[in-house]
Amino acid sequence: ARSVAEALVKNLRRVQERDRLLERATNDAMWDWDVVTNRLQWNEAVQAMFGYARDKLDPEIEWWRERVHPDDRRRIFNGREATLQTGGEFWADEYRFRRGDGTYAEVIDRGYVIRDNQGVPVRMLGSMVDITGHKQAEEARARSERKLDLLVKHTPLAVIMWNVDFQVVEWNPGAERI
């Protein structure tokens, strides 16, 4: 019996170490929600990603709910609840999440639902990824493309674009005038 207990302890330590290494390998804010008790646990990444001190992380699900942007709440809560109530296994959405300094991060949040033998949701595990930088880069690229498009359309000079076979594929009004 002692060797069985030692093997179980050794296996548990190995699993715990694997979990710690996985958390370190990703920058995701990982969460574990006990649906029955409404308790929520976060990994350390939520502190670095969103600027919350460990003592400011409340284990109640309300802590998370209060930080979802007011304009996103209904959609997010309804989508997550629909996943839980309709037997879904996976939930994912994009929304704004309030940082410790009051600004909002754009996040992708994904969760996996664990159900009991009767199919009742008992737990949900997931992770949040901050995509604010990607969103800002997309917006900057789109603004740049709009500016270039306006410049090309309104310049009096001829602008003609060819493909690799030197066939004209696009031109501006200045080229049409000429």
N, C-alpha and C. Protein backbone atom coordinates (compact mmCIF):
# COMPACT_ATOMS: atom_id res chain seq x y z
N ALA A 1 0.82 -1.19 0.00
CA ALA A 1 0.00 0.00 0.00
C ALA A 1 0.87 1.25 0.00
N ARG A 2 2.01 1.17 0.66
CA ARG A 2 2.89 2.34 0.72
C ARG A 2 3.43 2.69 -0.67
N SER A 3 3.80 1.66 -1.45
CA SER A 3 4.33 1.95 -2.79
C SER A 3 3.26 2.53 -3.70
N VAL A 4 2.00 2.14 -3.52
CA VAL A 4 0.91 2.71 -4.32
C VAL A 4 0.73 4.19 -3.96
N ALA A 5 0.76 4.51 -2.67
CA ALA A 5 0.63 5.89 -2.23
C ALA A 5 1.79 6.74 -2.73
N GLU A 6 3.00 6.17 -2.67
CA GLU A 6 4.17 6.90 -3.16
C GLU A 6 4.06 7.16 -4.66
N ALA A 7 3.57 6.17 -5.39
CA ALA A 7 3.39 6.33 -6.84
C ALA A 7 2.35 7.40 -7.15
N LEU A 8 1.26 7.42 -6.37
CA LEU A 8 0.22 8.44 -6.57
C LEU A 8 0.76 9.84 -6.29
N VAL A 9 1.52 9.97 -5.21
CA VAL A 9 2.11 11.27 -4.86
C VAL A 9 3.08 11.71 -5.94
N LYS A 10 3.90 10.77 -6.41
CA LYS A 10 4.88 11.09 -7.46
C LYS A 10 4.16 11.54 -8.74
N ASN A 11 3.09 10.82 -9.09
CA ASN A 11 2.32 11.18 -10.28
C ASN A 11 1.66 12.55 -10.12
N LEU A 12 1.12 12.82 -8.93
CA LEU A 12 0.50 14.12 -8.67
C LEU A 12 1.52 15.23 -8.80
N ARG A 13 2.70 15.05 -8.27
CA ARG A 13 3.75 16.06 -8.39
C ARG A 13 4.13 16.30 -9.84
N ARG A 14 4.20 15.21 -10.61
CA ARG A 14 4.54 15.33 -12.03
C ARG A 14 3.47 16.13 -12.78
N VAL A 15 2.20 15.86 -12.47
CA VAL A 15 1.09 16.58 -13.09
C VAL A 15 1.12 18.05 -12.69
N GLN A 16 1.37 18.33 -11.42
CA GLN A 16 1.44 19.72 -10.96
C GLN A 16 2.60 20.45 -11.62
N GLU A 17 3.73 19.79 -11.76
CA GLU A 17 4.88 20.43 -12.42
C GLU A 17 4.55 20.70 -13.88
N ARG A 18 3.92 19.74 -14.55
CA ARG A 18 3.52 19.93 -15.95
C ARG A 18 2.60 21.14 -16.07
N ASP A 19 1.63 21.26 -15.17
CA ASP A 19 0.72 22.39 -15.20
C ASP A 19 1.46 23.71 -15.02
N ARG A 20 2.41 23.75 -14.08
CA ARG A 20 3.20 24.98 -13.86
C ARG A 20 4.01 25.32 -15.11
N LEU A 21 4.60 24.31 -15.75
CA LEU A 21 5.40 24.56 -16.95
C LEU A 21 4.52 25.02 -18.11
N LEU A 22 3.34 24.45 -18.24
CA LEU A 22 2.42 24.90 -19.29
C LEU A 22 2.02 26.35 -19.07
N GLU A 23 1.77 26.74 -17.83
CA GLU A 23 1.43 28.12 -17.54
C GLU A 23 2.57 29.06 -17.90
N ARG A 24 3.79 28.62 -17.68
CA ARG A 24 4.96 29.45 -17.99
C ARG A 24 5.21 29.51 -19.48
N ALA A 25 4.80 28.47 -20.20
CA ALA A 25 5.05 28.39 -21.65
C ALA A 25 4.11 29.29 -22.44
N THR A 26 3.06 29.76 -21.83
CA THR A 26 2.10 30.60 -22.53
C THR A 26 1.96 31.93 -21.81
N ASN A 27 1.54 32.93 -22.54
CA ASN A 27 1.26 34.22 -21.92
C ASN A 27 -0.23 34.37 -21.63
N ASP A 28 -0.99 33.32 -21.88
CA ASP A 28 -2.43 33.38 -21.69
C ASP A 28 -2.79 33.49 -20.21
N ALA A 29 -3.85 34.23 -19.94
CA ALA A 29 -4.43 34.25 -18.60
C ALA A 29 -5.35 33.03 -18.53
N MET A 30 -4.95 32.04 -17.78
CA MET A 30 -5.72 30.80 -17.70
C MET A 30 -6.64 30.85 -16.48
N TRP A 31 -7.86 30.31 -16.66
CA TRP A 31 -8.85 30.35 -15.59
C TRP A 31 -9.54 29.01 -15.43
N ASP A 32 -10.07 28.80 -14.23
CA ASP A 32 -10.75 27.57 -13.87
C ASP A 32 -11.98 27.98 -13.06
N TRP A 33 -13.17 27.80 -13.64
CA TRP A 33 -14.41 28.23 -13.02
C TRP A 33 -15.18 27.02 -12.52
N ASP A 34 -15.42 26.97 -11.22
CA ASP A 34 -16.28 25.95 -10.62
C ASP A 34 -17.71 26.48 -10.76
N VAL A 35 -18.45 25.93 -11.70
CA VAL A 35 -19.79 26.42 -12.02
C VAL A 35 -20.73 26.26 -10.84
N VAL A 36 -20.55 25.21 -10.06
CA VAL A 36 -21.43 24.92 -8.94
C VAL A 36 -21.28 25.96 -7.83
N THR A 37 -20.04 26.30 -7.48
CA THR A 37 -19.81 27.25 -6.38
C THR A 37 -19.58 28.68 -6.87
N ASN A 38 -19.46 28.85 -8.18
CA ASN A 38 -19.16 30.15 -8.80
C ASN A 38 -17.80 30.70 -8.38
N ARG A 39 -16.89 29.82 -8.04
CA ARG A 39 -15.53 30.22 -7.67
C ARG A 39 -14.66 30.18 -8.92
N LEU A 40 -13.76 31.15 -9.02
CA LEU A 40 -12.90 31.30 -10.20
C LEU A 40 -11.45 31.39 -9.75
N GLN A 41 -10.61 30.58 -10.37
CA GLN A 41 -9.17 30.64 -10.08
C GLN A 41 -8.45 31.08 -11.35
N TRP A 42 -7.41 31.90 -11.16
CA TRP A 42 -6.61 32.42 -12.26
C TRP A 42 -5.16 31.99 -12.08
N ASN A 43 -4.43 31.89 -13.18
CA ASN A 43 -2.98 31.71 -13.07
C ASN A 43 -2.33 33.08 -12.90
N GLU A 44 -1.03 33.09 -12.74
CA GLU A 44 -0.31 34.34 -12.48
C GLU A 44 -0.30 35.29 -13.67
N ALA A 45 -0.52 34.78 -14.87
CA ALA A 45 -0.46 35.63 -16.07
C ALA A 45 -1.51 36.74 -16.04
N VAL A 46 -2.62 36.52 -15.36
CA VAL A 46 -3.66 37.56 -15.30
C VAL A 46 -3.12 38.81 -14.61
N GLN A 47 -2.19 38.63 -13.70
CA GLN A 47 -1.60 39.78 -13.02
C GLN A 47 -0.75 40.60 -13.98
N ALA A 48 0.12 39.94 -14.71
CA ALA A 48 1.01 40.63 -15.65
C ALA A 48 0.24 41.19 -16.84
N MET A 49 -0.69 40.41 -17.38
CA MET A 49 -1.41 40.80 -18.58
C MET A 49 -2.34 41.98 -18.35
N PHE A 50 -3.02 41.98 -17.21
CA PHE A 50 -4.04 42.99 -16.97
C PHE A 50 -3.71 43.94 -15.82
N GLY A 51 -2.58 43.75 -15.17
CA GLY A 51 -2.14 44.68 -14.15
C GLY A 51 -2.89 44.60 -12.84
N TYR A 52 -3.27 43.39 -12.43
CA TYR A 52 -3.94 43.21 -11.14
C TYR A 52 -2.99 42.56 -10.15
N ALA A 53 -2.93 43.13 -8.97
CA ALA A 53 -2.14 42.51 -7.90
C ALA A 53 -2.87 41.26 -7.42
N ARG A 54 -2.13 40.29 -6.94
CA ARG A 54 -2.70 39.02 -6.49
C ARG A 54 -3.84 39.25 -5.48
N ASP A 55 -3.67 40.21 -4.58
CA ASP A 55 -4.70 40.44 -3.55
C ASP A 55 -5.94 41.15 -4.11
N LYS A 56 -5.90 41.58 -5.37
CA LYS A 56 -7.06 42.22 -6.01
C LYS A 56 -7.87 41.23 -6.84
N LEU A 57 -7.42 39.98 -6.93
CA LEU A 57 -8.13 38.95 -7.69
C LEU A 57 -9.13 38.26 -6.77
N ASP A 58 -10.38 38.55 -6.96
CA ASP A 58 -11.43 37.95 -6.15
C ASP A 58 -11.82 36.61 -6.79
N PRO A 59 -11.93 35.55 -6.01
CA PRO A 59 -12.26 34.25 -6.59
C PRO A 59 -13.73 34.08 -6.98
N GLU A 60 -14.55 35.09 -6.76
CA GLU A 60 -15.96 35.00 -7.17
C GLU A 60 -16.07 35.34 -8.65
N ILE A 61 -16.98 34.68 -9.36
CA ILE A 61 -17.16 34.91 -10.80
C ILE A 61 -17.55 36.36 -11.07
N GLU A 62 -18.15 37.02 -10.09
CA GLU A 62 -18.53 38.43 -10.25
C GLU A 62 -17.32 39.31 -10.56
N TRP A 63 -16.16 38.97 -10.04
CA TRP A 63 -14.94 39.74 -10.30
C TRP A 63 -14.72 39.84 -11.81
N TRP A 64 -14.83 38.71 -12.50
CA TRP A 64 -14.67 38.69 -13.96
C TRP A 64 -15.81 39.45 -14.63
N ARG A 65 -17.05 39.16 -14.24
CA ARG A 65 -18.22 39.80 -14.86
C ARG A 65 -18.13 41.32 -14.81
N GLU A 66 -17.70 41.85 -13.68
CA GLU A 66 -17.61 43.30 -13.52
C GLU A 66 -16.57 43.93 -14.44
N ARG A 67 -15.61 43.15 -14.91
CA ARG A 67 -14.53 43.69 -15.73
C ARG A 67 -14.78 43.56 -17.23
N VAL A 68 -15.83 42.84 -17.61
CA VAL A 68 -16.22 42.78 -19.02
C VAL A 68 -16.86 44.12 -19.36
N HIS A 69 -16.47 44.70 -20.48
CA HIS A 69 -17.00 46.01 -20.88
C HIS A 69 -18.53 45.99 -20.88
N PRO A 70 -19.16 47.04 -20.33
CA PRO A 70 -20.64 47.08 -20.27
C PRO A 70 -21.33 46.84 -21.62
N ASP A 71 -20.75 47.33 -22.71
CA ASP A 71 -21.36 47.15 -24.03
C ASP A 71 -21.22 45.71 -24.54
N ASP A 72 -20.34 44.92 -23.95
CA ASP A 72 -20.11 43.54 -24.38
C ASP A 72 -20.79 42.52 -23.47
N ARG A 73 -21.18 42.93 -22.28
CA ARG A 73 -21.65 41.99 -21.25
C ARG A 73 -22.79 41.09 -21.70
N ARG A 74 -23.86 41.67 -22.19
CA ARG A 74 -25.03 40.85 -22.54
C ARG A 74 -24.66 39.78 -23.56
N ARG A 75 -23.94 40.17 -24.60
CA ARG A 75 -23.55 39.20 -25.63
C ARG A 75 -22.67 38.10 -25.05
N ILE A 76 -21.70 38.49 -24.24
CA ILE A 76 -20.77 37.52 -23.67
C ILE A 76 -21.49 36.57 -22.72
N PHE A 77 -22.28 37.13 -21.80
CA PHE A 77 -22.96 36.29 -20.81
C PHE A 77 -23.98 35.38 -21.47
N ASN A 78 -24.73 35.92 -22.44
CA ASN A 78 -25.72 35.09 -23.14
C ASN A 78 -25.06 33.97 -23.92
N GLY A 79 -23.96 34.27 -24.58
CA GLY A 79 -23.25 33.24 -25.35
C GLY A 79 -22.69 32.14 -24.46
N ARG A 80 -22.09 32.55 -23.36
CA ARG A 80 -21.53 31.56 -22.44
C ARG A 80 -22.64 30.72 -21.81
N GLU A 81 -23.72 31.38 -21.41
CA GLU A 81 -24.85 30.67 -20.79
C GLU A 81 -25.49 29.70 -21.79
N ALA A 82 -25.61 30.12 -23.05
CA ALA A 82 -26.18 29.25 -24.08
C ALA A 82 -25.33 28.00 -24.25
N THR A 83 -24.01 28.16 -24.21
CA THR A 83 -23.11 27.00 -24.31
C THR A 83 -23.36 26.04 -23.15
N LEU A 84 -23.48 26.58 -21.95
CA LEU A 84 -23.71 25.74 -20.77
C LEU A 84 -25.06 25.03 -20.84
N GLN A 85 -26.11 25.75 -21.27
CA GLN A 85 -27.47 25.21 -21.23
C GLN A 85 -27.80 24.27 -22.39
N THR A 86 -27.11 24.41 -23.51
CA THR A 86 -27.46 23.60 -24.69
C THR A 86 -26.56 22.38 -24.86
N GLY A 87 -25.71 22.11 -23.89
CA GLY A 87 -24.86 20.93 -23.98
C GLY A 87 -23.57 21.15 -24.74
N GLY A 88 -23.26 22.40 -25.05
CA GLY A 88 -22.03 22.68 -25.78
C GLY A 88 -20.79 22.36 -24.96
N GLU A 89 -19.72 22.04 -25.66
CA GLU A 89 -18.45 21.74 -25.00
C GLU A 89 -17.52 22.94 -24.98
N PHE A 90 -17.62 23.78 -26.03
CA PHE A 90 -16.68 24.87 -26.19
C PHE A 90 -17.41 26.21 -26.29
N TRP A 91 -16.80 27.22 -25.69
CA TRP A 91 -17.30 28.58 -25.80
C TRP A 91 -16.10 29.45 -26.16
N ALA A 92 -16.32 30.44 -27.03
CA ALA A 92 -15.25 31.39 -27.38
C ALA A 92 -15.90 32.69 -27.82
N ASP A 93 -15.22 33.80 -27.50
CA ASP A 93 -15.72 35.09 -27.94
C ASP A 93 -14.61 36.13 -27.79
N GLU A 94 -14.80 37.27 -28.46
CA GLU A 94 -13.92 38.43 -28.32
C GLU A 94 -14.69 39.50 -27.59
N TYR A 95 -13.99 40.18 -26.68
CA TYR A 95 -14.62 41.27 -25.96
C TYR A 95 -13.56 42.16 -25.33
N ARG A 96 -14.02 43.21 -24.68
CA ARG A 96 -13.11 44.12 -23.97
C ARG A 96 -13.13 43.79 -22.48
N PHE A 97 -11.94 43.73 -21.90
CA PHE A 97 -11.77 43.37 -20.49
C PHE A 97 -11.00 44.49 -19.79
N ARG A 98 -11.55 44.99 -18.69
CA ARG A 98 -10.95 46.12 -17.98
C ARG A 98 -9.66 45.71 -17.26
N ARG A 99 -8.62 46.48 -17.53
CA ARG A 99 -7.34 46.28 -16.85
C ARG A 99 -7.37 46.96 -15.48
N GLY A 100 -6.34 46.70 -14.71
CA GLY A 100 -6.22 47.30 -13.39
C GLY A 100 -6.16 48.81 -13.42
N ASP A 101 -5.66 49.39 -14.52
CA ASP A 101 -5.55 50.86 -14.61
C ASP A 101 -6.82 51.51 -15.18
N GLY A 102 -7.85 50.71 -15.45
CA GLY A 102 -9.11 51.24 -15.95
C GLY A 102 -9.26 51.23 -17.46
N THR A 103 -8.17 51.02 -18.20
CA THR A 103 -8.27 50.91 -19.66
C THR A 103 -8.78 49.52 -20.01
N TYR A 104 -9.11 49.33 -21.27
CA TYR A 104 -9.64 48.03 -21.69
C TYR A 104 -8.70 47.35 -22.67
N ALA A 105 -8.55 46.04 -22.47
CA ALA A 105 -7.81 45.19 -23.39
C ALA A 105 -8.82 44.48 -24.28
N GLU A 106 -8.47 44.30 -25.54
CA GLU A 106 -9.27 43.46 -26.44
C GLU A 106 -8.77 42.04 -26.22
N VAL A 107 -9.69 41.11 -25.92
CA VAL A 107 -9.28 39.74 -25.63
C VAL A 107 -10.06 38.73 -26.46
N ILE A 108 -9.44 37.60 -26.66
CA ILE A 108 -10.14 36.40 -27.13
C ILE A 108 -10.17 35.50 -25.92
N ASP A 109 -11.35 35.04 -25.57
CA ASP A 109 -11.54 34.17 -24.41
C ASP A 109 -12.13 32.86 -24.92
N ARG A 110 -11.56 31.75 -24.47
CA ARG A 110 -12.03 30.43 -24.88
C ARG A 110 -12.20 29.56 -23.65
N GLY A 111 -13.25 28.73 -23.65
CA GLY A 111 -13.48 27.85 -22.52
C GLY A 111 -13.95 26.48 -22.95
N TYR A 112 -13.64 25.50 -22.11
CA TYR A 112 -14.06 24.12 -22.31
C TYR A 112 -14.93 23.72 -21.13
N VAL A 113 -16.11 23.17 -21.40
CA VAL A 113 -17.07 22.82 -20.37
C VAL A 113 -16.90 21.37 -19.94
N ILE A 114 -16.87 21.15 -18.62
CA ILE A 114 -16.84 19.80 -18.06
C ILE A 114 -18.19 19.56 -17.41
N ARG A 115 -18.79 18.42 -17.74
CA ARG A 115 -20.13 18.09 -17.25
C ARG A 115 -20.09 16.83 -16.39
N ASP A 116 -21.08 16.70 -15.52
CA ASP A 116 -21.17 15.49 -14.71
C ASP A 116 -21.84 14.39 -15.54
N ASN A 117 -22.12 13.24 -14.92
CA ASN A 117 -22.70 12.10 -15.64
C ASN A 117 -24.10 12.39 -16.18
N GLN A 118 -24.79 13.37 -15.61
CA GLN A 118 -26.12 13.74 -16.11
C GLN A 118 -26.06 14.85 -17.15
N GLY A 119 -24.86 15.29 -17.50
CA GLY A 119 -24.71 16.34 -18.50
C GLY A 119 -24.81 17.75 -17.96
N VAL A 120 -24.83 17.88 -16.64
CA VAL A 120 -24.92 19.20 -16.01
C VAL A 120 -23.53 19.82 -15.95
N PRO A 121 -23.38 21.07 -16.40
CA PRO A 121 -22.05 21.70 -16.33
C PRO A 121 -21.61 21.89 -14.88
N VAL A 122 -20.38 21.47 -14.59
CA VAL A 122 -19.85 21.60 -13.23
C VAL A 122 -18.57 22.43 -13.19
N ARG A 123 -17.92 22.55 -14.33
CA ARG A 123 -16.65 23.26 -14.36
C ARG A 123 -16.39 23.75 -15.77
N MET A 124 -15.64 24.84 -15.87
CA MET A 124 -15.25 25.36 -17.17
C MET A 124 -13.82 25.86 -17.04
N LEU A 125 -12.98 25.42 -17.96
CA LEU A 125 -11.57 25.81 -17.97
C LEU A 125 -11.30 26.59 -19.24
N GLY A 126 -10.46 27.60 -19.15
CA GLY A 126 -10.19 28.36 -20.35
C GLY A 126 -9.01 29.30 -20.23
N SER A 127 -8.88 30.12 -21.26
CA SER A 127 -7.78 31.08 -21.28
C SER A 127 -8.19 32.33 -22.05
N MET A 128 -7.58 33.44 -21.66
CA MET A 128 -7.79 34.72 -22.33
C MET A 128 -6.47 35.16 -22.94
N VAL A 129 -6.55 35.67 -24.16
CA VAL A 129 -5.37 36.18 -24.86
C VAL A 129 -5.62 37.65 -25.15
N ASP A 130 -4.68 38.50 -24.82
CA ASP A 130 -4.77 39.93 -25.09
C ASP A 130 -4.39 40.16 -26.55
N ILE A 131 -5.36 40.61 -27.35
CA ILE A 131 -5.11 40.86 -28.78
C ILE A 131 -5.15 42.35 -29.09
N THR A 132 -5.00 43.18 -28.07
CA THR A 132 -5.06 44.63 -28.26
C THR A 132 -4.05 45.09 -29.29
N GLY A 133 -2.82 44.63 -29.20
CA GLY A 133 -1.78 45.03 -30.16
C GLY A 133 -2.13 44.63 -31.58
N HIS A 134 -2.69 43.44 -31.75
CA HIS A 134 -3.10 42.99 -33.09
C HIS A 134 -4.22 43.87 -33.64
N LYS A 135 -5.18 44.19 -32.79
CA LYS A 135 -6.30 45.04 -33.21
C LYS A 135 -5.79 46.43 -33.61
N GLN A 136 -4.87 46.98 -32.82
CA GLN A 136 -4.33 48.31 -33.13
C GLN A 136 -3.55 48.27 -34.44
N ALA A 137 -2.79 47.20 -34.67
CA ALA A 137 -2.04 47.08 -35.92
C ALA A 137 -3.00 46.96 -37.11
N GLU A 138 -4.09 46.20 -36.96
CA GLU A 138 -5.09 46.08 -38.03
C GLU A 138 -5.70 47.43 -38.36
N GLU A 139 -6.05 48.19 -37.31
CA GLU A 139 -6.65 49.51 -37.51
C GLU A 139 -5.67 50.45 -38.19
N ALA A 140 -4.40 50.42 -37.80
CA ALA A 140 -3.39 51.28 -38.41
C ALA A 140 -3.20 50.92 -39.88
N ARG A 141 -3.18 49.62 -40.20
CA ARG A 141 -3.04 49.18 -41.59
C ARG A 141 -4.24 49.64 -42.41
N ALA A 142 -5.44 49.50 -41.85
CA ALA A 142 -6.65 49.91 -42.57
C ALA A 142 -6.66 51.43 -42.81
N ARG A 143 -6.23 52.21 -41.81
CA ARG A 143 -6.14 53.67 -41.99
C ARG A 143 -5.14 54.01 -43.09
N SER A 144 -4.00 53.33 -43.07
CA SER A 144 -2.97 53.57 -44.07
C SER A 144 -3.48 53.24 -45.47
N GLU A 145 -4.19 52.14 -45.60
CA GLU A 145 -4.74 51.76 -46.90
C GLU A 145 -5.78 52.77 -47.37
N ARG A 146 -6.62 53.27 -46.45
CA ARG A 146 -7.61 54.28 -46.84
C ARG A 146 -6.93 55.56 -47.30
N LYS A 147 -5.87 55.98 -46.60
CA LYS A 147 -5.13 57.19 -47.00
C LYS A 147 -4.52 57.00 -48.38
N LEU A 148 -3.88 55.87 -48.59
CA LEU A 148 -3.25 55.61 -49.88
C LEU A 148 -4.30 55.59 -50.98
N ASP A 149 -5.44 54.97 -50.72
CA ASP A 149 -6.51 54.92 -51.70
C ASP A 149 -6.99 56.33 -52.05
N LEU A 150 -7.17 57.18 -51.03
CA LEU A 150 -7.59 58.56 -51.28
C LEU A 150 -6.54 59.33 -52.09
N LEU A 151 -5.28 59.16 -51.74
CA LEU A 151 -4.20 59.84 -52.48
C LEU A 151 -4.18 59.42 -53.93
N VAL A 152 -4.29 58.13 -54.17
CA VAL A 152 -4.24 57.63 -55.55
C VAL A 152 -5.45 58.11 -56.34
N LYS A 153 -6.62 58.10 -55.72
CA LYS A 153 -7.83 58.52 -56.43
C LYS A 153 -7.84 60.01 -56.74
N HIS A 154 -7.26 60.83 -55.87
CA HIS A 154 -7.38 62.27 -56.02
C HIS A 154 -6.13 62.97 -56.57
N THR A 155 -5.09 62.24 -56.83
CA THR A 155 -3.92 62.89 -57.42
C THR A 155 -4.18 63.14 -58.91
N PRO A 156 -3.70 64.26 -59.43
CA PRO A 156 -3.89 64.52 -60.86
C PRO A 156 -2.95 63.67 -61.72
N LEU A 157 -1.98 63.05 -61.09
CA LEU A 157 -1.03 62.22 -61.82
C LEU A 157 -1.64 60.87 -62.16
N ALA A 158 -1.12 60.27 -63.21
CA ALA A 158 -1.59 58.95 -63.61
C ALA A 158 -0.93 57.90 -62.72
N VAL A 159 -1.74 57.03 -62.15
CA VAL A 159 -1.24 55.89 -61.37
C VAL A 159 -1.81 54.64 -62.03
N ILE A 160 -0.91 53.81 -62.49
CA ILE A 160 -1.32 52.58 -63.18
C ILE A 160 -0.60 51.40 -62.52
N MET A 161 -1.35 50.34 -62.27
CA MET A 161 -0.77 49.14 -61.65
C MET A 161 -0.81 48.00 -62.66
N TRP A 162 0.33 47.31 -62.76
CA TRP A 162 0.45 46.16 -63.64
C TRP A 162 0.65 44.91 -62.81
N ASN A 163 0.27 43.77 -63.40
CA ASN A 163 0.60 42.51 -62.75
C ASN A 163 1.96 42.04 -63.25
N VAL A 164 2.38 40.86 -62.87
CA VAL A 164 3.72 40.37 -63.23
C VAL A 164 3.87 40.14 -64.73
N ASP A 165 2.74 40.02 -65.45
CA ASP A 165 2.78 39.84 -66.91
C ASP A 165 2.63 41.18 -67.64
N PHE A 166 2.80 42.28 -66.91
CA PHE A 166 2.69 43.63 -67.44
C PHE A 166 1.32 43.93 -68.06
N GLN A 167 0.30 43.34 -67.49
CA GLN A 167 -1.06 43.66 -67.89
C GLN A 167 -1.59 44.69 -66.90
N VAL A 168 -2.26 45.71 -67.41
CA VAL A 168 -2.83 46.74 -66.54
C VAL A 168 -3.98 46.12 -65.76
N VAL A 169 -3.92 46.24 -64.44
CA VAL A 169 -4.97 45.66 -63.59
C VAL A 169 -5.76 46.72 -62.84
N GLU A 170 -5.19 47.93 -62.70
CA GLU A 170 -5.87 48.98 -61.98
C GLU A 170 -5.31 50.33 -62.39
N TRP A 171 -6.14 51.36 -62.34
CA TRP A 171 -5.68 52.70 -62.66
C TRP A 171 -6.57 53.70 -61.92
N ASN A 172 -6.08 54.91 -61.83
CA ASN A 172 -6.83 55.95 -61.12
C ASN A 172 -7.47 56.91 -62.13
N PRO A 173 -8.30 57.85 -61.64
CA PRO A 173 -8.94 58.83 -62.54
C PRO A 173 -7.92 59.68 -63.30
N GLY A 174 -6.77 59.96 -62.69
CA GLY A 174 -5.73 60.74 -63.38
C GLY A 174 -5.25 60.02 -64.63
N ALA A 175 -5.13 58.70 -64.57
CA ALA A 175 -4.72 57.92 -65.74
C ALA A 175 -5.82 57.95 -66.80
N GLU A 176 -7.05 57.94 -66.38
CA GLU A 176 -8.17 57.98 -67.33
C GLU A 176 -8.18 59.32 -68.09
N ARG A 177 -7.88 60.42 -67.39
CA ARG A 177 -7.87 61.75 -68.03
C ARG A 177 -6.78 61.81 -69.08
N ILE A 178 -5.64 61.23 -68.79
CA ILE A 178 -4.50 61.29 -69.70
C ILE A 178 -4.78 60.39 -70.90
